[in-house]
Amino acid sequence: RASDLAKYDAVLLGTSTWGTGALQEDWRRRLTEFPAECLKGKILAFFGLGDKIAFPETFCAALSQLDALYAPAASQVLGGTGLTLDDDNQGLLTEGKVAGWADRLKSEGLG
């Protein structure tokens, strides 16, 4: 629920990308439950999952949809363009990418 987010100063938002760039169905169904206003003034960071081999043109494209919706309401967006992962095809890189992203978020002021 959007009201549950009120107690947090920072929120990490993520989604997988389906097919040729679609936002995950769970997110699409719930966008009205989580309007941008519920994250107003929050510190945000974004992460996405996708298939870089099968869909290189739209790899993690749904991430930009979350960014476009929620970043304008944020007080600050950390982590640059967000963390992008392809655990199926590049699983050996996942742990290092997550650790590097976590370090970047810390260096930018998160926790």
PDB file of N, CA and C in Angstrom:
ATOM      1  N   ARG A   1       0.828  -1.186   0.000  1.00  0.00           N
ATOM      2  CA  ARG A   1       0.000   0.000   0.000  1.00  0.00           C
ATOM      3  C   ARG A   1       0.867   1.242   0.000  1.00  0.00           C
ATOM      4  N   ALA A   2       0.393   2.252  -0.659  1.00  0.00           N
ATOM      5  CA  ALA A   2       1.136   3.505  -0.728  1.00  0.00           C
ATOM      6  C   ALA A   2       1.356   4.094   0.650  1.00  0.00           C
ATOM      7  N   SER A   3       0.415   3.950   1.530  1.00  0.00           N
ATOM      8  CA  SER A   3       0.547   4.510   2.873  1.00  0.00           C
ATOM      9  C   SER A   3       1.698   3.871   3.639  1.00  0.00           C
ATOM     10  N   ASP A   4       2.065   2.645   3.308  1.00  0.00           N
ATOM     11  CA  ASP A   4       3.186   1.976   3.966  1.00  0.00           C
ATOM     12  C   ASP A   4       4.520   2.639   3.636  1.00  0.00           C
ATOM     13  N   LEU A   5       4.583   3.345   2.526  1.00  0.00           N
ATOM     14  CA  LEU A   5       5.834   3.987   2.107  1.00  0.00           C
ATOM     15  C   LEU A   5       6.142   5.249   2.888  1.00  0.00           C
ATOM     16  N   ALA A   6       5.152   5.791   3.575  1.00  0.00           N
ATOM     17  CA  ALA A   6       5.326   7.055   4.299  1.00  0.00           C
ATOM     18  C   ALA A   6       6.434   6.979   5.341  1.00  0.00           C
ATOM     19  N   LYS A   7       6.646   5.828   5.927  1.00  0.00           N
ATOM     20  CA  LYS A   7       7.641   5.706   7.001  1.00  0.00           C
ATOM     21  C   LYS A   7       9.082   5.612   6.503  1.00  0.00           C
ATOM     22  N   TYR A   8       9.277   5.544   5.191  1.00  0.00           N
ATOM     23  CA  TYR A   8      10.625   5.395   4.646  1.00  0.00           C
ATOM     24  C   TYR A   8      11.125   6.696   4.023  1.00  0.00           C
ATOM     25  N   ASP A   9      12.403   6.986   4.247  1.00  0.00           N
ATOM     26  CA  ASP A   9      13.037   8.143   3.620  1.00  0.00           C
ATOM     27  C   ASP A   9      13.512   7.808   2.212  1.00  0.00           C
ATOM     28  N   ALA A  10      13.853   6.532   2.002  1.00  0.00           N
ATOM     29  CA  ALA A  10      14.388   6.086   0.713  1.00  0.00           C
ATOM     30  C   ALA A  10      13.651   4.825   0.271  1.00  0.00           C
ATOM     31  N   VAL A  11      13.462   4.720  -1.032  1.00  0.00           N
ATOM     32  CA  VAL A  11      12.756   3.576  -1.604  1.00  0.00           C
ATOM     33  C   VAL A  11      13.512   3.119  -2.854  1.00  0.00           C
ATOM     34  N   LEU A  12      13.729   1.813  -2.954  1.00  0.00           N
ATOM     35  CA  LEU A  12      14.310   1.214  -4.150  1.00  0.00           C
ATOM     36  C   LEU A  12      13.168   0.636  -4.962  1.00  0.00           C
ATOM     37  N   LEU A  13      13.079   1.007  -6.224  1.00  0.00           N
ATOM     38  CA  LEU A  13      12.003   0.532  -7.092  1.00  0.00           C
ATOM     39  C   LEU A  13      12.595  -0.273  -8.235  1.00  0.00           C
ATOM     40  N   GLY A  14      12.012  -1.433  -8.488  1.00  0.00           N
ATOM     41  CA  GLY A  14      12.516  -2.264  -9.562  1.00  0.00           C
ATOM     42  C   GLY A  14      11.415  -2.991 -10.296  1.00  0.00           C
ATOM     43  N   THR A  15      11.756  -3.404 -11.497  1.00  0.00           N
ATOM     44  CA  THR A  15      10.819  -4.159 -12.319  1.00  0.00           C
ATOM     45  C   THR A  15      11.586  -4.979 -13.345  1.00  0.00           C
ATOM     46  N   SER A  16      10.960  -6.021 -13.791  1.00  0.00           N
ATOM     47  CA  SER A  16      11.491  -6.731 -14.946  1.00  0.00           C
ATOM     48  C   SER A  16      10.876  -6.102 -16.186  1.00  0.00           C
ATOM     49  N   THR A  17      11.521  -6.330 -17.308  1.00  0.00           N
ATOM     50  CA  THR A  17      10.993  -5.866 -18.592  1.00  0.00           C
ATOM     51  C   THR A  17      10.521  -7.092 -19.354  1.00  0.00           C
ATOM     52  N   TRP A  18       9.318  -7.018 -19.862  1.00  0.00           N
ATOM     53  CA  TRP A  18       8.748  -8.147 -20.584  1.00  0.00           C
ATOM     54  C   TRP A  18       8.756  -7.875 -22.082  1.00  0.00           C
ATOM     55  N   GLY A  19       9.100  -8.908 -22.835  1.00  0.00           N
ATOM     56  CA  GLY A  19       9.031  -8.826 -24.293  1.00  0.00           C
ATOM     57  C   GLY A  19       9.814  -7.660 -24.848  1.00  0.00           C
ATOM     58  N   THR A  20       9.133  -6.828 -25.568  1.00  0.00           N
ATOM     59  CA  THR A  20       9.808  -5.731 -26.272  1.00  0.00           C
ATOM     60  C   THR A  20       9.734  -4.408 -25.517  1.00  0.00           C
ATOM     61  N   GLY A  21       9.790  -4.476 -24.192  1.00  0.00           N
ATOM     62  CA  GLY A  21       9.882  -3.257 -23.395  1.00  0.00           C
ATOM     63  C   GLY A  21       8.734  -2.988 -22.466  1.00  0.00           C
ATOM     64  N   ALA A  22       7.844  -3.942 -22.298  1.00  0.00           N
ATOM     65  CA  ALA A  22       6.661  -3.716 -21.466  1.00  0.00           C
ATOM     66  C   ALA A  22       6.988  -3.781 -19.974  1.00  0.00           C
ATOM     67  N   LEU A  23       6.298  -2.942 -19.236  1.00  0.00           N
ATOM     68  CA  LEU A  23       6.375  -2.973 -17.778  1.00  0.00           C
ATOM     69  C   LEU A  23       5.718  -4.259 -17.295  1.00  0.00           C
ATOM     70  N   GLN A  24       6.291  -4.859 -16.274  1.00  0.00           N
ATOM     71  CA  GLN A  24       5.751  -6.095 -15.716  1.00  0.00           C
ATOM     72  C   GLN A  24       4.275  -5.911 -15.362  1.00  0.00           C
ATOM     73  N   GLU A  25       3.458  -6.898 -15.647  1.00  0.00           N
ATOM     74  CA  GLU A  25       2.008  -6.822 -15.445  1.00  0.00           C
ATOM     75  C   GLU A  25       1.643  -6.446 -14.009  1.00  0.00           C
ATOM     76  N   ASP A  26       2.342  -6.990 -13.031  1.00  0.00           N
ATOM     77  CA  ASP A  26       2.059  -6.652 -11.633  1.00  0.00           C
ATOM     78  C   ASP A  26       2.152  -5.146 -11.403  1.00  0.00           C
ATOM     79  N   TRP A  27       3.158  -4.523 -11.980  1.00  0.00           N
ATOM     80  CA  TRP A  27       3.326  -3.081 -11.842  1.00  0.00           C
ATOM     81  C   TRP A  27       2.202  -2.341 -12.553  1.00  0.00           C
ATOM     82  N   ARG A  28       1.917  -2.743 -13.781  1.00  0.00           N
ATOM     83  CA  ARG A  28       0.881  -2.038 -14.545  1.00  0.00           C
ATOM     84  C   ARG A  28      -0.458  -2.063 -13.827  1.00  0.00           C
ATOM     85  N   ARG A  29      -0.787  -3.185 -13.210  1.00  0.00           N
ATOM     86  CA  ARG A  29      -2.058  -3.288 -12.496  1.00  0.00           C
ATOM     87  C   ARG A  29      -2.087  -2.401 -11.264  1.00  0.00           C
ATOM     88  N   ARG A  30      -0.941  -2.111 -10.699  1.00  0.00           N
ATOM     89  CA  ARG A  30      -0.896  -1.385  -9.427  1.00  0.00           C
ATOM     90  C   ARG A  30      -0.455   0.076  -9.533  1.00  0.00           C
ATOM     91  N   LEU A  31      -0.219   0.554 -10.712  1.00  0.00           N
ATOM     92  CA  LEU A  31       0.243   1.938 -10.853  1.00  0.00           C
ATOM     93  C   LEU A  31      -0.729   2.931 -10.218  1.00  0.00           C
ATOM     94  N   THR A  32      -2.005   2.683 -10.321  1.00  0.00           N
ATOM     95  CA  THR A  32      -2.967   3.610  -9.719  1.00  0.00           C
ATOM     96  C   THR A  32      -2.938   3.543  -8.193  1.00  0.00           C
ATOM     97  N   GLU A  33      -2.485   2.413  -7.646  1.00  0.00           N
ATOM     98  CA  GLU A  33      -2.375   2.277  -6.190  1.00  0.00           C
ATOM     99  C   GLU A  33      -1.149   3.006  -5.642  1.00  0.00           C
ATOM    100  N   PHE A  34      -0.179   3.264  -6.510  1.00  0.00           N
ATOM    101  CA  PHE A  34       1.064   3.920  -6.109  1.00  0.00           C
ATOM    102  C   PHE A  34       1.309   5.155  -6.979  1.00  0.00           C
ATOM    103  N   PRO A  35       0.511   6.188  -6.789  1.00  0.00           N
ATOM    104  CA  PRO A  35       0.728   7.413  -7.579  1.00  0.00           C
ATOM    105  C   PRO A  35       2.061   8.054  -7.204  1.00  0.00           C
ATOM    106  N   ALA A  36       2.565   8.870  -8.091  1.00  0.00           N
ATOM    107  CA  ALA A  36       3.852   9.526  -7.855  1.00  0.00           C
ATOM    108  C   ALA A  36       3.866  10.298  -6.543  1.00  0.00           C
ATOM    109  N   GLU A  37       2.724  10.838  -6.157  1.00  0.00           N
ATOM    110  CA  GLU A  37       2.650  11.631  -4.922  1.00  0.00           C
ATOM    111  C   GLU A  37       3.038  10.821  -3.682  1.00  0.00           C
ATOM    112  N   CYS A  38       2.858   9.506  -3.716  1.00  0.00           N
ATOM    113  CA  CYS A  38       3.194   8.704  -2.540  1.00  0.00           C
ATOM    114  C   CYS A  38       4.704   8.635  -2.321  1.00  0.00           C
ATOM    115  N   LEU A  39       5.490   9.047  -3.330  1.00  0.00           N
ATOM    116  CA  LEU A  39       6.943   9.056  -3.199  1.00  0.00           C
ATOM    117  C   LEU A  39       7.516  10.473  -3.218  1.00  0.00           C
ATOM    118  N   LYS A  40       6.639  11.438  -3.074  1.00  0.00           N
ATOM    119  CA  LYS A  40       7.063  12.845  -3.085  1.00  0.00           C
ATOM    120  C   LYS A  40       8.055  13.103  -1.947  1.00  0.00           C
ATOM    121  N   GLY A  41       9.190  13.668  -2.301  1.00  0.00           N
ATOM    122  CA  GLY A  41      10.208  14.012  -1.317  1.00  0.00           C
ATOM    123  C   GLY A  41      11.079  12.854  -0.864  1.00  0.00           C
ATOM    124  N   LYS A  42      10.880  11.683  -1.415  1.00  0.00           N
ATOM    125  CA  LYS A  42      11.679  10.507  -1.030  1.00  0.00           C
ATOM    126  C   LYS A  42      12.978  10.462  -1.833  1.00  0.00           C
ATOM    127  N   ILE A  43      13.939   9.753  -1.305  1.00  0.00           N
ATOM    128  CA  ILE A  43      15.153   9.418  -2.038  1.00  0.00           C
ATOM    129  C   ILE A  43      14.841   8.114  -2.763  1.00  0.00           C
ATOM    130  N   LEU A  44      15.083   8.084  -4.066  1.00  0.00           N
ATOM    131  CA  LEU A  44      14.762   6.903  -4.866  1.00  0.00           C
ATOM    132  C   LEU A  44      15.993   6.358  -5.572  1.00  0.00           C
ATOM    133  N   ALA A  45      15.957   5.072  -5.836  1.00  0.00           N
ATOM    134  CA  ALA A  45      16.936   4.416  -6.697  1.00  0.00           C
ATOM    135  C   ALA A  45      16.176   3.340  -7.463  1.00  0.00           C
ATOM    136  N   PHE A  46      16.579   3.104  -8.696  1.00  0.00           N
ATOM    137  CA  PHE A  46      15.863   2.199  -9.574  1.00  0.00           C
ATOM    138  C   PHE A  46      16.738   1.028 -10.011  1.00  0.00           C
ATOM    139  N   PHE A  47      16.109  -0.141 -10.172  1.00  0.00           N
ATOM    140  CA  PHE A  47      16.816  -1.293 -10.724  1.00  0.00           C
ATOM    141  C   PHE A  47      15.881  -2.043 -11.660  1.00  0.00           C
ATOM    142  N   GLY A  48      16.466  -2.711 -12.639  1.00  0.00           N
ATOM    143  CA  GLY A  48      15.669  -3.432 -13.619  1.00  0.00           C
ATOM    144  C   GLY A  48      16.300  -4.751 -14.002  1.00  0.00           C
ATOM    145  N   LEU A  49      15.442  -5.637 -14.458  1.00  0.00           N
ATOM    146  CA  LEU A  49      15.851  -6.962 -14.908  1.00  0.00           C
ATOM    147  C   LEU A  49      15.367  -7.155 -16.331  1.00  0.00           C
ATOM    148  N   GLY A  50      16.183  -7.802 -17.130  1.00  0.00           N
ATOM    149  CA  GLY A  50      15.772  -8.034 -18.506  1.00  0.00           C
ATOM    150  C   GLY A  50      16.625  -9.091 -19.166  1.00  0.00           C
ATOM    151  N   ASP A  51      16.413  -9.243 -20.452  1.00  0.00           N
ATOM    152  CA  ASP A  51      17.131 -10.224 -21.266  1.00  0.00           C
ATOM    153  C   ASP A  51      17.914  -9.462 -22.326  1.00  0.00           C
ATOM    154  N   LYS A  52      19.187  -9.316 -22.073  1.00  0.00           N
ATOM    155  CA  LYS A  52      20.050  -8.513 -22.937  1.00  0.00           C
ATOM    156  C   LYS A  52      20.340  -9.198 -24.277  1.00  0.00           C
ATOM    157  N   ILE A  53      20.229 -10.519 -24.306  1.00  0.00           N
ATOM    158  CA  ILE A  53      20.537 -11.264 -25.527  1.00  0.00           C
ATOM    159  C   ILE A  53      19.333 -11.285 -26.483  1.00  0.00           C
ATOM    160  N   ALA A  54      18.181 -11.692 -25.980  1.00  0.00           N
ATOM    161  CA  ALA A  54      16.996 -11.804 -26.827  1.00  0.00           C
ATOM    162  C   ALA A  54      16.383 -10.449 -27.177  1.00  0.00           C
ATOM    163  N   PHE A  55      16.523  -9.466 -26.281  1.00  0.00           N
ATOM    164  CA  PHE A  55      15.894  -8.154 -26.485  1.00  0.00           C
ATOM    165  C   PHE A  55      16.900  -7.026 -26.249  1.00  0.00           C
ATOM    166  N   PRO A  56      17.976  -6.981 -27.033  1.00  0.00           N
ATOM    167  CA  PRO A  56      19.004  -5.954 -26.783  1.00  0.00           C
ATOM    168  C   PRO A  56      18.499  -4.524 -26.975  1.00  0.00           C
ATOM    169  N   GLU A  57      17.561  -4.317 -27.868  1.00  0.00           N
ATOM    170  CA  GLU A  57      17.039  -2.971 -28.137  1.00  0.00           C
ATOM    171  C   GLU A  57      16.188  -2.443 -26.992  1.00  0.00           C
ATOM    172  N   THR A  58      15.551  -3.339 -26.247  1.00  0.00           N
ATOM    173  CA  THR A  58      14.627  -2.920 -25.186  1.00  0.00           C
ATOM    174  C   THR A  58      15.049  -3.457 -23.819  1.00  0.00           C
ATOM    175  N   PHE A  59      16.316  -3.816 -23.689  1.00  0.00           N
ATOM    176  CA  PHE A  59      16.822  -4.360 -22.427  1.00  0.00           C
ATOM    177  C   PHE A  59      16.543  -3.382 -21.285  1.00  0.00           C
ATOM    178  N   CYS A  60      15.788  -3.834 -20.311  1.00  0.00           N
ATOM    179  CA  CYS A  60      15.420  -3.058 -19.124  1.00  0.00           C
ATOM    180  C   CYS A  60      14.687  -1.762 -19.455  1.00  0.00           C
ATOM    181  N   ALA A  61      13.965  -1.743 -20.564  1.00  0.00           N
ATOM    182  CA  ALA A  61      13.240  -0.540 -20.979  1.00  0.00           C
ATOM    183  C   ALA A  61      12.141  -0.149 -19.992  1.00  0.00           C
ATOM    184  N   ALA A  62      11.567  -1.111 -19.303  1.00  0.00           N
ATOM    185  CA  ALA A  62      10.502  -0.795 -18.341  1.00  0.00           C
ATOM    186  C   ALA A  62      11.025   0.058 -17.193  1.00  0.00           C
ATOM    187  N   LEU A  63      12.291  -0.031 -16.934  1.00  0.00           N
ATOM    188  CA  LEU A  63      12.912   0.770 -15.888  1.00  0.00           C
ATOM    189  C   LEU A  63      12.704   2.261 -16.159  1.00  0.00           C
ATOM    190  N   SER A  64      12.795   2.652 -17.407  1.00  0.00           N
ATOM    191  CA  SER A  64      12.614   4.069 -17.744  1.00  0.00           C
ATOM    192  C   SER A  64      11.178   4.524 -17.500  1.00  0.00           C
ATOM    193  N   GLN A  65      10.219   3.608 -17.565  1.00  0.00           N
ATOM    194  CA  GLN A  65       8.830   3.960 -17.276  1.00  0.00           C
ATOM    195  C   GLN A  65       8.656   4.299 -15.798  1.00  0.00           C
ATOM    196  N   LEU A  66       9.283   3.504 -14.931  1.00  0.00           N
ATOM    197  CA  LEU A  66       9.223   3.812 -13.498  1.00  0.00           C
ATOM    198  C   LEU A  66       9.935   5.127 -13.205  1.00  0.00           C
ATOM    199  N   ASP A  67      11.081   5.311 -13.824  1.00  0.00           N
ATOM    200  CA  ASP A  67      11.844   6.537 -13.629  1.00  0.00           C
ATOM    201  C   ASP A  67      11.032   7.756 -14.062  1.00  0.00           C
ATOM    202  N   ALA A  68      10.406   7.680 -15.224  1.00  0.00           N
ATOM    203  CA  ALA A  68       9.624   8.816 -15.732  1.00  0.00           C
ATOM    204  C   ALA A  68       8.453   9.143 -14.819  1.00  0.00           C
ATOM    205  N   LEU A  69       7.865   8.143 -14.225  1.00  0.00           N
ATOM    206  CA  LEU A  69       6.711   8.355 -13.369  1.00  0.00           C
ATOM    207  C   LEU A  69       7.093   8.884 -11.990  1.00  0.00           C
ATOM    208  N   TYR A  70       8.111   8.282 -11.375  1.00  0.00           N
ATOM    209  CA  TYR A  70       8.401   8.564  -9.969  1.00  0.00           C
ATOM    210  C   TYR A  70       9.551   9.544  -9.718  1.00  0.00           C
ATOM    211  N   ALA A  71      10.539   9.613 -10.589  1.00  0.00           N
ATOM    212  CA  ALA A  71      11.695  10.478 -10.342  1.00  0.00           C
ATOM    213  C   ALA A  71      11.319  11.954 -10.175  1.00  0.00           C
ATOM    214  N   PRO A  72      10.371  12.489 -10.947  1.00  0.00           N
ATOM    215  CA  PRO A  72      10.038  13.903 -10.768  1.00  0.00           C
ATOM    216  C   PRO A  72       9.524  14.255  -9.369  1.00  0.00           C
ATOM    217  N   ALA A  73       8.948  13.290  -8.672  1.00  0.00           N
ATOM    218  CA  ALA A  73       8.422  13.546  -7.325  1.00  0.00           C
ATOM    219  C   ALA A  73       9.489  13.392  -6.245  1.00  0.00           C
ATOM    220  N   ALA A  74      10.592  12.774  -6.579  1.00  0.00           N
ATOM    221  CA  ALA A  74      11.630  12.466  -5.596  1.00  0.00           C
ATOM    222  C   ALA A  74      12.413  13.704  -5.179  1.00  0.00           C
ATOM    223  N   SER A  75      12.952  13.651  -3.978  1.00  0.00           N
ATOM    224  CA  SER A  75      13.857  14.714  -3.560  1.00  0.00           C
ATOM    225  C   SER A  75      15.238  14.485  -4.174  1.00  0.00           C
ATOM    226  N   GLN A  76      15.541  13.215  -4.429  1.00  0.00           N
ATOM    227  CA  GLN A  76      16.842  12.853  -4.977  1.00  0.00           C
ATOM    228  C   GLN A  76      16.737  11.463  -5.595  1.00  0.00           C
ATOM    229  N   VAL A  77      17.415  11.255  -6.720  1.00  0.00           N
ATOM    230  CA  VAL A  77      17.501   9.935  -7.345  1.00  0.00           C
ATOM    231  C   VAL A  77      18.965   9.525  -7.319  1.00  0.00           C
ATOM    232  N   LEU A  78      19.220   8.389  -6.706  1.00  0.00           N
ATOM    233  CA  LEU A  78      20.587   7.886  -6.569  1.00  0.00           C
ATOM    234  C   LEU A  78      20.871   6.792  -7.592  1.00  0.00           C
ATOM    235  N   GLY A  79      22.132   6.548  -7.835  1.00  0.00           N
ATOM    236  CA  GLY A  79      22.538   5.421  -8.664  1.00  0.00           C
ATOM    237  C   GLY A  79      22.488   5.660 -10.153  1.00  0.00           C
ATOM    238  N   GLY A  80      22.469   6.907 -10.569  1.00  0.00           N
ATOM    239  CA  GLY A  80      22.478   7.210 -11.996  1.00  0.00           C
ATOM    240  C   GLY A  80      21.235   6.695 -12.694  1.00  0.00           C
ATOM    241  N   THR A  81      21.425   6.041 -13.823  1.00  0.00           N
ATOM    242  CA  THR A  81      20.298   5.545 -14.606  1.00  0.00           C
ATOM    243  C   THR A  81      19.714   4.258 -14.037  1.00  0.00           C
ATOM    244  N   GLY A  82      20.282   3.787 -12.955  1.00  0.00           N
ATOM    245  CA  GLY A  82      19.765   2.583 -12.310  1.00  0.00           C
ATOM    246  C   GLY A  82      20.608   1.362 -12.586  1.00  0.00           C
ATOM    247  N   LEU A  83      20.364   0.369 -11.806  1.00  0.00           N
ATOM    248  CA  LEU A  83      21.055  -0.919 -11.937  1.00  0.00           C
ATOM    249  C   LEU A  83      20.287  -1.777 -12.925  1.00  0.00           C
ATOM    250  N   THR A  84      20.969  -2.319 -13.924  1.00  0.00           N
ATOM    251  CA  THR A  84      20.336  -3.219 -14.882  1.00  0.00           C
ATOM    252  C   THR A  84      21.008  -4.579 -14.808  1.00  0.00           C
ATOM    253  N   LEU A  85      20.183  -5.602 -14.760  1.00  0.00           N
ATOM    254  CA  LEU A  85      20.681  -6.967 -14.607  1.00  0.00           C
ATOM    255  C   LEU A  85      20.073  -7.902 -15.632  1.00  0.00           C
ATOM    256  N   ASP A  86      20.873  -8.835 -16.096  1.00  0.00           N
ATOM    257  CA  ASP A  86      20.408  -9.957 -16.916  1.00  0.00           C
ATOM    258  C   ASP A  86      20.962 -11.206 -16.255  1.00  0.00           C
ATOM    259  N   ASP A  87      20.245 -11.679 -15.264  1.00  0.00           N
ATOM    260  CA  ASP A  87      20.724 -12.803 -14.470  1.00  0.00           C
ATOM    261  C   ASP A  87      20.733 -14.110 -15.260  1.00  0.00           C
ATOM    262  N   ASP A  88      19.874 -14.224 -16.259  1.00  0.00           N
ATOM    263  CA  ASP A  88      19.843 -15.452 -17.061  1.00  0.00           C
ATOM    264  C   ASP A  88      21.067 -15.593 -17.943  1.00  0.00           C
ATOM    265  N   ASN A  89      21.447 -14.515 -18.608  1.00  0.00           N
ATOM    266  CA  ASN A  89      22.553 -14.575 -19.563  1.00  0.00           C
ATOM    267  C   ASN A  89      23.880 -14.091 -19.003  1.00  0.00           C
ATOM    268  N   GLN A  90      23.820 -13.286 -17.950  1.00  0.00           N
ATOM    269  CA  GLN A  90      25.044 -12.725 -17.383  1.00  0.00           C
ATOM    270  C   GLN A  90      25.044 -12.893 -15.868  1.00  0.00           C
ATOM    271  N   GLY A  91      24.564 -14.026 -15.413  1.00  0.00           N
ATOM    272  CA  GLY A  91      24.435 -14.283 -13.982  1.00  0.00           C
ATOM    273  C   GLY A  91      25.722 -14.153 -13.200  1.00  0.00           C
ATOM    274  N   LEU A  92      26.842 -14.448 -13.831  1.00  0.00           N
ATOM    275  CA  LEU A  92      28.121 -14.341 -13.132  1.00  0.00           C
ATOM    276  C   LEU A  92      28.473 -12.886 -12.801  1.00  0.00           C
ATOM    277  N   LEU A  93      27.833 -11.952 -13.466  1.00  0.00           N
ATOM    278  CA  LEU A  93      28.093 -10.534 -13.214  1.00  0.00           C
ATOM    279  C   LEU A  93      27.175  -9.940 -12.147  1.00  0.00           C
ATOM    280  N   THR A  94      26.082 -10.634 -11.839  1.00  0.00           N
ATOM    281  CA  THR A  94      25.047 -10.069 -10.974  1.00  0.00           C
ATOM    282  C   THR A  94      25.570  -9.651  -9.609  1.00  0.00           C
ATOM    283  N   GLU A  95      26.246 -10.540  -8.923  1.00  0.00           N
ATOM    284  CA  GLU A  95      26.706 -10.230  -7.564  1.00  0.00           C
ATOM    285  C   GLU A  95      27.607  -9.001  -7.536  1.00  0.00           C
ATOM    286  N   GLY A  96      28.531  -8.920  -8.465  1.00  0.00           N
ATOM    287  CA  GLY A  96      29.432  -7.777  -8.524  1.00  0.00           C
ATOM    288  C   GLY A  96      28.717  -6.484  -8.880  1.00  0.00           C
ATOM    289  N   LYS A  97      27.755  -6.572  -9.802  1.00  0.00           N
ATOM    290  CA  LYS A  97      26.998  -5.373 -10.176  1.00  0.00           C
ATOM    291  C   LYS A  97      26.153  -4.869  -9.015  1.00  0.00           C
ATOM    292  N   VAL A  98      25.531  -5.792  -8.288  1.00  0.00           N
ATOM    293  CA  VAL A  98      24.716  -5.389  -7.137  1.00  0.00           C
ATOM    294  C   VAL A  98      25.601  -4.767  -6.063  1.00  0.00           C
ATOM    295  N   ALA A  99      26.741  -5.380  -5.792  1.00  0.00           N
ATOM    296  CA  ALA A  99      27.659  -4.842  -4.780  1.00  0.00           C
ATOM    297  C   ALA A  99      28.162  -3.458  -5.180  1.00  0.00           C
ATOM    298  N   GLY A 100      28.505  -3.296  -6.446  1.00  0.00           N
ATOM    299  CA  GLY A 100      28.971  -1.998  -6.924  1.00  0.00           C
ATOM    300  C   GLY A 100      27.890  -0.937  -6.834  1.00  0.00           C
ATOM    301  N   TRP A 101      26.670  -1.311  -7.169  1.00  0.00           N
ATOM    302  CA  TRP A 101      25.548  -0.380  -7.093  1.00  0.00           C
ATOM    303  C   TRP A 101      25.267   0.003  -5.651  1.00  0.00           C
ATOM    304  N   ALA A 102      25.322  -0.974  -4.749  1.00  0.00           N
ATOM    305  CA  ALA A 102      25.111  -0.691  -3.322  1.00  0.00           C
ATOM    306  C   ALA A 102      26.182   0.271  -2.814  1.00  0.00           C
ATOM    307  N   ASP A 103      27.427   0.059  -3.216  1.00  0.00           N
ATOM    308  CA  ASP A 103      28.507   0.970  -2.820  1.00  0.00           C
ATOM    309  C   ASP A 103      28.259   2.372  -3.371  1.00  0.00           C
ATOM    310  N   ARG A 104      27.781   2.446  -4.591  1.00  0.00           N
ATOM    311  CA  ARG A 104      27.500   3.753  -5.199  1.00  0.00           C
ATOM    312  C   ARG A 104      26.375   4.461  -4.437  1.00  0.00           C
ATOM    313  N   LEU A 105      25.333   3.727  -4.092  1.00  0.00           N
ATOM    314  CA  LEU A 105      24.226   4.328  -3.339  1.00  0.00           C
ATOM    315  C   LEU A 105      24.720   4.842  -1.993  1.00  0.00           C
ATOM    316  N   LYS A 106      25.575   4.076  -1.338  1.00  0.00           N
ATOM    317  CA  LYS A 106      26.130   4.517  -0.053  1.00  0.00           C
ATOM    318  C   LYS A 106      26.973   5.780  -0.233  1.00  0.00           C
ATOM    319  N   SER A 107      27.784   5.809  -1.282  1.00  0.00           N
ATOM    320  CA  SER A 107      28.646   6.967  -1.496  1.00  0.00           C
ATOM    321  C   SER A 107      27.833   8.215  -1.860  1.00  0.00           C
ATOM    322  N   GLU A 108      26.633   8.014  -2.374  1.00  0.00           N
ATOM    323  CA  GLU A 108      25.776   9.135  -2.736  1.00  0.00           C
ATOM    324  C   GLU A 108      24.859   9.551  -1.575  1.00  0.00           C
ATOM    325  N   GLY A 109      24.994   8.863  -0.457  1.00  0.00           N
ATOM    326  CA  GLY A 109      24.276   9.311   0.723  1.00  0.00           C
ATOM    327  C   GLY A 109      23.208   8.387   1.277  1.00  0.00           C
ATOM    328  N   LEU A 110      23.068   7.193   0.736  1.00  0.00           N
ATOM    329  CA  LEU A 110      22.064   6.258   1.245  1.00  0.00           C
ATOM    330  C   LEU A 110      22.724   5.333   2.257  1.00  0.00           C
ATOM    331  N   GLY A 111      22.273   5.407   3.466  1.00  0.00           N
ATOM    332  CA  GLY A 111      22.651   4.522   4.544  1.00  0.00           C
ATOM    333  C   GLY A 111      24.078   4.393   4.834  1.00  0.00           C
TER     334      GLY A 111
END
